[in-house]
PDB file of N, CA and C in Angstrom:
ATOM      1  N   UNK A   1       0.794  -1.174   0.025  1.00  0.00           N
ATOM      2  CA  UNK A   1      -0.005  -0.022  -0.011  1.00  0.00           C
ATOM      3  C   UNK A   1       0.877   1.208   0.044  1.00  0.00           C
ATOM      4  N   UNK A   2       0.400   2.257  -0.593  1.00  0.00           N
ATOM      5  CA  UNK A   2       1.142   3.521  -0.661  1.00  0.00           C
ATOM      6  C   UNK A   2       1.323   4.133   0.702  1.00  0.00           C
ATOM      7  N   UNK A   3       0.501   3.847   1.626  1.00  0.00           N
ATOM      8  CA  UNK A   3       0.646   4.444   2.949  1.00  0.00           C
ATOM      9  C   UNK A   3       1.341   3.506   3.945  1.00  0.00           C
ATOM     10  N   UNK A   4       1.930   2.412   3.457  1.00  0.00           N
ATOM     11  CA  UNK A   4       2.635   1.456   4.313  1.00  0.00           C
ATOM     12  C   UNK A   4       3.710   2.181   5.152  1.00  0.00           C
ATOM     13  N   UNK A   5       3.765   1.762   6.411  1.00  0.00           N
ATOM     14  CA  UNK A   5       4.738   2.339   7.318  1.00  0.00           C
ATOM     15  C   UNK A   5       5.198   1.332   8.342  1.00  0.00           C
ATOM     16  N   UNK A   6       6.489   0.981   8.320  1.00  0.00           N
ATOM     17  CA  UNK A   6       6.952  -0.037   9.219  1.00  0.00           C
ATOM     18  C   UNK A   6       6.710   0.387  10.673  1.00  0.00           C
ATOM     19  N   UNK A   7       6.731   1.680  10.943  1.00  0.00           N
ATOM     20  CA  UNK A   7       6.624   2.138  12.356  1.00  0.00           C
ATOM     21  C   UNK A   7       5.154   1.915  12.925  1.00  0.00           C
ATOM     22  N   UNK A   8       4.222   1.629  11.995  1.00  0.00           N
ATOM     23  CA  UNK A   8       2.864   1.350  12.569  1.00  0.00           C
ATOM     24  C   UNK A   8       2.693  -0.165  12.950  1.00  0.00           C
ATOM     25  N   UNK A   9       3.656  -0.959  12.543  1.00  0.00           N
ATOM     26  CA  UNK A   9       3.582  -2.408  12.911  1.00  0.00           C
ATOM     27  C   UNK A   9       4.101  -2.605  14.327  1.00  0.00           C
ATOM     28  N   UNK A  10       3.602  -3.686  14.954  1.00  0.00           N
ATOM     29  CA  UNK A  10       4.086  -4.029  16.234  1.00  0.00           C
ATOM     30  C   UNK A  10       5.568  -4.401  16.114  1.00  0.00           C
ATOM     31  N   UNK A  11       6.289  -4.356  17.206  1.00  0.00           N
ATOM     32  CA  UNK A  11       7.702  -4.590  17.122  1.00  0.00           C
ATOM     33  C   UNK A  11       7.984  -6.046  16.573  1.00  0.00           C
ATOM     34  N   UNK A  12       7.239  -7.007  16.998  1.00  0.00           N
ATOM     35  CA  UNK A  12       7.394  -8.371  16.546  1.00  0.00           C
ATOM     36  C   UNK A  12       7.097  -8.477  15.080  1.00  0.00           C
ATOM     37  N   UNK A  13       6.018  -7.827  14.599  1.00  0.00           N
ATOM     38  CA  UNK A  13       5.655  -7.901  13.160  1.00  0.00           C
ATOM     39  C   UNK A  13       6.686  -7.128  12.338  1.00  0.00           C
ATOM     40  N   UNK A  14       7.162  -6.018  12.814  1.00  0.00           N
ATOM     41  CA  UNK A  14       8.186  -5.294  12.146  1.00  0.00           C
ATOM     42  C   UNK A  14       9.477  -6.070  11.940  1.00  0.00           C
ATOM     43  N   UNK A  15       9.950  -6.728  13.021  1.00  0.00           N
ATOM     44  CA  UNK A  15      11.179  -7.547  12.928  1.00  0.00           C
ATOM     45  C   UNK A  15      10.972  -8.687  11.968  1.00  0.00           C
ATOM     46  N   UNK A  16       9.811  -9.375  12.070  1.00  0.00           N
ATOM     47  CA  UNK A  16       9.560 -10.479  11.144  1.00  0.00           C
ATOM     48  C   UNK A  16       9.483 -10.076   9.708  1.00  0.00           C
ATOM     49  N   UNK A  17       8.841  -8.961   9.505  1.00  0.00           N
ATOM     50  CA  UNK A  17       8.705  -8.470   8.123  1.00  0.00           C
ATOM     51  C   UNK A  17      10.077  -8.056   7.564  1.00  0.00           C
ATOM     52  N   UNK A  18      10.843  -7.335   8.302  1.00  0.00           N
ATOM     53  CA  UNK A  18      12.172  -6.875   7.861  1.00  0.00           C
ATOM     54  C   UNK A  18      13.101  -8.063   7.654  1.00  0.00           C
ATOM     55  N   UNK A  19      12.950  -9.146   8.484  1.00  0.00           N
ATOM     56  CA  UNK A  19      13.760 -10.329   8.321  1.00  0.00           C
ATOM     57  C   UNK A  19      13.455 -10.969   6.959  1.00  0.00           C
ATOM     58  N   UNK A  20      12.191 -11.051   6.583  1.00  0.00           N
ATOM     59  CA  UNK A  20      11.785 -11.620   5.268  1.00  0.00           C
ATOM     60  C   UNK A  20      12.242 -10.710   4.111  1.00  0.00           C
ATOM     61  N   UNK A  21      12.202  -9.415   4.310  1.00  0.00           N
ATOM     62  CA  UNK A  21      12.644  -8.480   3.267  1.00  0.00           C
ATOM     63  C   UNK A  21      14.176  -8.572   3.062  1.00  0.00           C
ATOM     64  N   UNK A  22      14.894  -8.784   4.169  1.00  0.00           N
ATOM     65  CA  UNK A  22      16.320  -8.937   4.059  1.00  0.00           C
ATOM     66  C   UNK A  22      16.659 -10.214   3.301  1.00  0.00           C
ATOM     67  N   UNK A  23      15.942 -11.247   3.591  1.00  0.00           N
ATOM     68  CA  UNK A  23      16.115 -12.502   2.834  1.00  0.00           C
ATOM     69  C   UNK A  23      15.930 -12.278   1.297  1.00  0.00           C
ATOM     70  N   UNK A  24      14.873 -11.524   0.999  1.00  0.00           N
ATOM     71  CA  UNK A  24      14.627 -11.189  -0.432  1.00  0.00           C
ATOM     72  C   UNK A  24      15.748 -10.405  -1.000  1.00  0.00           C
ATOM     73  N   UNK A  25      16.236  -9.388  -0.340  1.00  0.00           N
ATOM     74  CA  UNK A  25      17.377  -8.623  -0.817  1.00  0.00           C
ATOM     75  C   UNK A  25      18.636  -9.457  -0.988  1.00  0.00           C
ATOM     76  N   UNK A  26      18.865 -10.320  -0.063  1.00  0.00           N
ATOM     77  CA  UNK A  26      20.016 -11.266  -0.178  1.00  0.00           C
ATOM     78  C   UNK A  26      19.881 -12.092  -1.463  1.00  0.00           C
ATOM     79  N   UNK A  27      18.659 -12.619  -1.736  1.00  0.00           N
ATOM     80  CA  UNK A  27      18.424 -13.373  -2.935  1.00  0.00           C
ATOM     81  C   UNK A  27      18.711 -12.512  -4.153  1.00  0.00           C
ATOM     82  N   UNK A  28      18.204 -11.296  -4.138  1.00  0.00           N
ATOM     83  CA  UNK A  28      18.358 -10.415  -5.237  1.00  0.00           C
ATOM     84  C   UNK A  28      19.850 -10.121  -5.548  1.00  0.00           C
ATOM     85  N   UNK A  29      20.615  -9.946  -4.410  1.00  0.00           N
ATOM     86  CA  UNK A  29      22.027  -9.738  -4.481  1.00  0.00           C
ATOM     87  C   UNK A  29      22.709 -10.918  -5.146  1.00  0.00           C
ATOM     88  N   UNK A  30      22.345 -12.119  -4.762  1.00  0.00           N
ATOM     89  CA  UNK A  30      22.946 -13.337  -5.299  1.00  0.00           C
ATOM     90  C   UNK A  30      22.600 -13.460  -6.811  1.00  0.00           C
ATOM     91  N   UNK A  31      21.367 -13.184  -7.150  1.00  0.00           N
ATOM     92  CA  UNK A  31      20.943 -13.170  -8.619  1.00  0.00           C
ATOM     93  C   UNK A  31      21.761 -12.177  -9.367  1.00  0.00           C
ATOM     94  N   UNK A  32      21.932 -11.009  -8.848  1.00  0.00           N
ATOM     95  CA  UNK A  32      22.676  -9.982  -9.513  1.00  0.00           C
ATOM     96  C   UNK A  32      24.137 -10.387  -9.738  1.00  0.00           C
ATOM     97  N   UNK A  33      24.724 -11.000  -8.740  1.00  0.00           N
ATOM     98  CA  UNK A  33      26.085 -11.503  -8.841  1.00  0.00           C
ATOM     99  C   UNK A  33      26.266 -12.566  -9.860  1.00  0.00           C
ATOM    100  N   UNK A  34      25.280 -13.530  -9.900  1.00  0.00           N
ATOM    101  CA  UNK A  34      25.236 -14.578 -10.922  1.00  0.00           C
ATOM    102  C   UNK A  34      25.239 -13.988 -12.300  1.00  0.00           C
ATOM    103  N   UNK A  35      24.388 -13.029 -12.540  1.00  0.00           N
ATOM    104  CA  UNK A  35      24.321 -12.316 -13.847  1.00  0.00           C
ATOM    105  C   UNK A  35      25.612 -11.545 -14.111  1.00  0.00           C
ATOM    106  N   UNK A  36      26.036 -10.824 -13.176  1.00  0.00           N
ATOM    107  CA  UNK A  36      27.153  -9.893 -13.369  1.00  0.00           C
ATOM    108  C   UNK A  36      28.432 -10.749 -13.682  1.00  0.00           C
ATOM    109  N   UNK A  37      28.525 -11.936 -13.165  1.00  0.00           N
ATOM    110  CA  UNK A  37      29.712 -12.787 -13.400  1.00  0.00           C
ATOM    111  C   UNK A  37      29.525 -13.736 -14.561  1.00  0.00           C
ATOM    112  N   UNK A  38      28.446 -13.612 -15.322  1.00  0.00           N
ATOM    113  CA  UNK A  38      28.189 -14.361 -16.490  1.00  0.00           C
ATOM    114  C   UNK A  38      27.712 -15.858 -16.286  1.00  0.00           C
ATOM    115  N   UNK A  39      27.163 -16.109 -15.152  1.00  0.00           N
ATOM    116  CA  UNK A  39      26.754 -17.469 -14.867  1.00  0.00           C
ATOM    117  C   UNK A  39      25.350 -17.843 -15.297  1.00  0.00           C
ATOM    118  N   UNK A  40      24.550 -16.846 -15.668  1.00  0.00           N
ATOM    119  CA  UNK A  40      23.182 -17.041 -16.163  1.00  0.00           C
ATOM    120  C   UNK A  40      22.923 -16.359 -17.454  1.00  0.00           C
ATOM    121  N   UNK A  41      21.983 -16.849 -18.190  1.00  0.00           N
ATOM    122  CA  UNK A  41      21.721 -16.322 -19.512  1.00  0.00           C
ATOM    123  C   UNK A  41      20.951 -14.981 -19.320  1.00  0.00           C
ATOM    124  N   UNK A  42      21.089 -14.107 -20.338  1.00  0.00           N
ATOM    125  CA  UNK A  42      20.412 -12.783 -20.325  1.00  0.00           C
ATOM    126  C   UNK A  42      18.912 -12.899 -20.102  1.00  0.00           C
ATOM    127  N   UNK A  43      18.285 -13.877 -20.771  1.00  0.00           N
ATOM    128  CA  UNK A  43      16.778 -13.931 -20.703  1.00  0.00           C
ATOM    129  C   UNK A  43      16.377 -14.343 -19.253  1.00  0.00           C
ATOM    130  N   UNK A  44      17.147 -15.062 -18.544  1.00  0.00           N
ATOM    131  CA  UNK A  44      16.869 -15.371 -17.141  1.00  0.00           C
ATOM    132  C   UNK A  44      17.009 -14.089 -16.269  1.00  0.00           C
ATOM    133  N   UNK A  45      18.159 -13.438 -16.475  1.00  0.00           N
ATOM    134  CA  UNK A  45      18.385 -12.182 -15.741  1.00  0.00           C
ATOM    135  C   UNK A  45      17.343 -11.182 -16.028  1.00  0.00           C
ATOM    136  N   UNK A  46      16.935 -11.073 -17.297  1.00  0.00           N
ATOM    137  CA  UNK A  46      15.871 -10.108 -17.600  1.00  0.00           C
ATOM    138  C   UNK A  46      14.572 -10.381 -16.820  1.00  0.00           C
ATOM    139  N   UNK A  47      14.233 -11.631 -16.659  1.00  0.00           N
ATOM    140  CA  UNK A  47      13.050 -12.002 -15.884  1.00  0.00           C
ATOM    141  C   UNK A  47      13.258 -11.621 -14.417  1.00  0.00           C
ATOM    142  N   UNK A  48      14.339 -12.014 -13.849  1.00  0.00           N
ATOM    143  CA  UNK A  48      14.621 -11.686 -12.444  1.00  0.00           C
ATOM    144  C   UNK A  48      14.623 -10.149 -12.253  1.00  0.00           C
ATOM    145  N   UNK A  49      15.327  -9.471 -13.143  1.00  0.00           N
ATOM    146  CA  UNK A  49      15.455  -8.035 -13.081  1.00  0.00           C
ATOM    147  C   UNK A  49      14.091  -7.370 -13.115  1.00  0.00           C
ATOM    148  N   UNK A  50      13.235  -7.815 -14.034  1.00  0.00           N
ATOM    149  CA  UNK A  50      11.790  -7.214 -14.077  1.00  0.00           C
ATOM    150  C   UNK A  50      11.109  -7.335 -12.771  1.00  0.00           C
ATOM    151  N   UNK A  51      11.278  -8.515 -12.139  1.00  0.00           N
ATOM    152  CA  UNK A  51      10.642  -8.747 -10.826  1.00  0.00           C
ATOM    153  C   UNK A  51      11.154  -7.879  -9.759  1.00  0.00           C
ATOM    154  N   UNK A  52      12.512  -7.694  -9.752  1.00  0.00           N
ATOM    155  CA  UNK A  52      13.092  -6.820  -8.722  1.00  0.00           C
ATOM    156  C   UNK A  52      12.704  -5.388  -8.967  1.00  0.00           C
ATOM    157  N   UNK A  53      12.711  -4.936 -10.200  1.00  0.00           N
ATOM    158  CA  UNK A  53      12.321  -3.605 -10.485  1.00  0.00           C
ATOM    159  C   UNK A  53      10.885  -3.320 -10.100  1.00  0.00           C
ATOM    160  N   UNK A  54       9.990  -4.309 -10.360  1.00  0.00           N
ATOM    161  CA  UNK A  54       8.624  -4.135  -9.968  1.00  0.00           C
ATOM    162  C   UNK A  54       8.488  -4.043  -8.444  1.00  0.00           C
ATOM    163  N   UNK A  55       9.155  -4.899  -7.753  1.00  0.00           N
ATOM    164  CA  UNK A  55       9.122  -4.918  -6.269  1.00  0.00           C
ATOM    165  C   UNK A  55       9.605  -3.558  -5.741  1.00  0.00           C
ATOM    166  N   UNK A  56      10.588  -2.951  -6.345  1.00  0.00           N
ATOM    167  CA  UNK A  56      11.080  -1.726  -5.819  1.00  0.00           C
ATOM    168  C   UNK A  56      10.197  -0.545  -6.155  1.00  0.00           C
ATOM    169  N   UNK A  57       9.127  -0.708  -6.889  1.00  0.00           N
ATOM    170  CA  UNK A  57       8.144   0.374  -7.045  1.00  0.00           C
ATOM    171  C   UNK A  57       7.246   0.440  -5.830  1.00  0.00           C
ATOM    172  N   UNK A  58       7.288  -0.588  -4.982  1.00  0.00           N
ATOM    173  CA  UNK A  58       6.424  -0.583  -3.810  1.00  0.00           C
ATOM    174  C   UNK A  58       7.097   0.053  -2.641  1.00  0.00           C
ATOM    175  N   UNK A  59       6.336   0.888  -1.900  1.00  0.00           N
ATOM    176  CA  UNK A  59       6.861   1.618  -0.757  1.00  0.00           C
ATOM    177  C   UNK A  59       7.478   0.706   0.303  1.00  0.00           C
ATOM    178  N   UNK A  60       6.803  -0.411   0.536  1.00  0.00           N
ATOM    179  CA  UNK A  60       7.333  -1.405   1.553  1.00  0.00           C
ATOM    180  C   UNK A  60       8.765  -1.825   1.193  1.00  0.00           C
ATOM    181  N   UNK A  61       8.990  -2.114  -0.050  1.00  0.00           N
ATOM    182  CA  UNK A  61      10.323  -2.562  -0.515  1.00  0.00           C
ATOM    183  C   UNK A  61      11.326  -1.450  -0.414  1.00  0.00           C
ATOM    184  N   UNK A  62      10.931  -0.234  -0.787  1.00  0.00           N
ATOM    185  CA  UNK A  62      11.831   0.893  -0.780  1.00  0.00           C
ATOM    186  C   UNK A  62      12.249   1.202   0.687  1.00  0.00           C
ATOM    187  N   UNK A  63      11.236   1.167   1.564  1.00  0.00           N
ATOM    188  CA  UNK A  63      11.538   1.458   2.962  1.00  0.00           C
ATOM    189  C   UNK A  63      12.358   0.352   3.617  1.00  0.00           C
ATOM    190  N   UNK A  64      12.103  -0.911   3.193  1.00  0.00           N
ATOM    191  CA  UNK A  64      12.918  -2.048   3.750  1.00  0.00           C
ATOM    192  C   UNK A  64      14.282  -1.953   3.242  1.00  0.00           C
ATOM    193  N   UNK A  65      14.504  -1.535   2.003  1.00  0.00           N
ATOM    194  CA  UNK A  65      15.852  -1.424   1.500  1.00  0.00           C
ATOM    195  C   UNK A  65      16.597  -0.322   2.217  1.00  0.00           C
ATOM    196  N   UNK A  66      16.036   0.783   2.494  1.00  0.00           N
ATOM    197  CA  UNK A  66      16.666   1.852   3.221  1.00  0.00           C
ATOM    198  C   UNK A  66      17.107   1.379   4.580  1.00  0.00           C
ATOM    199  N   UNK A  67      16.373   0.521   5.237  1.00  0.00           N
ATOM    200  CA  UNK A  67      16.755  -0.036   6.510  1.00  0.00           C
ATOM    201  C   UNK A  67      17.742  -1.161   6.359  1.00  0.00           C
ATOM    202  N   UNK A  68      17.549  -2.016   5.421  1.00  0.00           N
ATOM    203  CA  UNK A  68      18.429  -3.215   5.233  1.00  0.00           C
ATOM    204  C   UNK A  68      19.867  -2.838   4.884  1.00  0.00           C
ATOM    205  N   UNK A  69      20.015  -1.849   3.935  1.00  0.00           N
ATOM    206  CA  UNK A  69      21.347  -1.538   3.488  1.00  0.00           C
ATOM    207  C   UNK A  69      22.180  -0.880   4.595  1.00  0.00           C
ATOM    208  N   UNK A  70      21.564  -0.430   5.651  1.00  0.00           N
ATOM    209  CA  UNK A  70      22.305   0.122   6.795  1.00  0.00           C
ATOM    210  C   UNK A  70      23.013  -0.956   7.653  1.00  0.00           C
ATOM    211  N   UNK A  71      22.436  -2.166   7.645  1.00  0.00           N
ATOM    212  CA  UNK A  71      22.988  -3.163   8.579  1.00  0.00           C
ATOM    213  C   UNK A  71      23.340  -4.490   7.864  1.00  0.00           C
ATOM    214  N   UNK A  72      23.386  -4.434   6.501  1.00  0.00           N
ATOM    215  CA  UNK A  72      23.790  -5.637   5.814  1.00  0.00           C
ATOM    216  C   UNK A  72      24.912  -5.272   4.853  1.00  0.00           C
ATOM    217  N   UNK A  73      25.658  -6.261   4.408  1.00  0.00           N
ATOM    218  CA  UNK A  73      26.753  -6.021   3.509  1.00  0.00           C
ATOM    219  C   UNK A  73      26.378  -6.487   2.152  1.00  0.00           C
ATOM    220  N   UNK A  74      26.395  -5.597   1.169  1.00  0.00           N
ATOM    221  CA  UNK A  74      26.149  -5.892  -0.191  1.00  0.00           C
ATOM    222  C   UNK A  74      27.267  -5.328  -1.102  1.00  0.00           C
ATOM    223  N   UNK A  75      27.548  -5.959  -2.169  1.00  0.00           N
ATOM    224  CA  UNK A  75      28.471  -5.424  -3.102  1.00  0.00           C
ATOM    225  C   UNK A  75      28.040  -4.017  -3.534  1.00  0.00           C
ATOM    226  N   UNK A  76      29.062  -3.155  -3.787  1.00  0.00           N
ATOM    227  CA  UNK A  76      28.718  -1.789  -4.187  1.00  0.00           C
ATOM    228  C   UNK A  76      27.953  -1.771  -5.452  1.00  0.00           C
ATOM    229  N   UNK A  77      28.269  -2.600  -6.378  1.00  0.00           N
ATOM    230  CA  UNK A  77      27.556  -2.546  -7.664  1.00  0.00           C
ATOM    231  C   UNK A  77      26.085  -2.847  -7.453  1.00  0.00           C
ATOM    232  N   UNK A  78      25.748  -3.830  -6.614  1.00  0.00           N
ATOM    233  CA  UNK A  78      24.400  -4.182  -6.382  1.00  0.00           C
ATOM    234  C   UNK A  78      23.710  -2.985  -5.587  1.00  0.00           C
ATOM    235  N   UNK A  79      24.348  -2.473  -4.568  1.00  0.00           N
ATOM    236  CA  UNK A  79      23.748  -1.354  -3.823  1.00  0.00           C
ATOM    237  C   UNK A  79      23.415  -0.164  -4.719  1.00  0.00           C
ATOM    238  N   UNK A  80      24.366   0.176  -5.565  1.00  0.00           N
ATOM    239  CA  UNK A  80      24.177   1.274  -6.499  1.00  0.00           C
ATOM    240  C   UNK A  80      23.068   0.979  -7.462  1.00  0.00           C
ATOM    241  N   UNK A  81      22.947  -0.211  -7.979  1.00  0.00           N
ATOM    242  CA  UNK A  81      21.855  -0.559  -8.857  1.00  0.00           C
ATOM    243  C   UNK A  81      20.466  -0.404  -8.168  1.00  0.00           C
ATOM    244  N   UNK A  82      20.402  -0.997  -6.946  1.00  0.00           N
ATOM    245  CA  UNK A  82      19.116  -0.915  -6.247  1.00  0.00           C
ATOM    246  C   UNK A  82      18.792   0.570  -5.835  1.00  0.00           C
ATOM    247  N   UNK A  83      19.858   1.287  -5.372  1.00  0.00           N
ATOM    248  CA  UNK A  83      19.613   2.676  -5.119  1.00  0.00           C
ATOM    249  C   UNK A  83      19.163   3.537  -6.319  1.00  0.00           C
ATOM    250  N   UNK A  84      19.584   3.104  -7.463  1.00  0.00           N
ATOM    251  CA  UNK A  84      19.169   3.704  -8.757  1.00  0.00           C
ATOM    252  C   UNK A  84      17.672   3.436  -9.015  1.00  0.00           C
ATOM    253  N   UNK A  85      17.184   2.328  -8.517  1.00  0.00           N
ATOM    254  CA  UNK A  85      15.808   1.991  -8.740  1.00  0.00           C
ATOM    255  C   UNK A  85      14.880   2.761  -7.848  1.00  0.00           C
ATOM    256  N   UNK A  86      15.436   3.047  -6.615  1.00  0.00           N
ATOM    257  CA  UNK A  86      14.724   3.761  -5.608  1.00  0.00           C
ATOM    258  C   UNK A  86      14.612   5.221  -6.023  1.00  0.00           C
TER     259      UNK A  86
END
């Protein structure tokens, strides 16, 4: 939802939600690295990329990314790419 706000969630729900969002970002980072290192075909990457780009149009994902990148380690290329989507 456009009015999504992590701060309105209970602490338990916020932690659980952010945990799952971090898992998603970790997966995205792995997919990005596989593509960036030439381990997957362009058509597969294009499919994954479209899904990531769509997810990042959602406020919940943008907000979770802002929080996640503060306490997780991602390659600079991936961080810059996601930041460019936001």
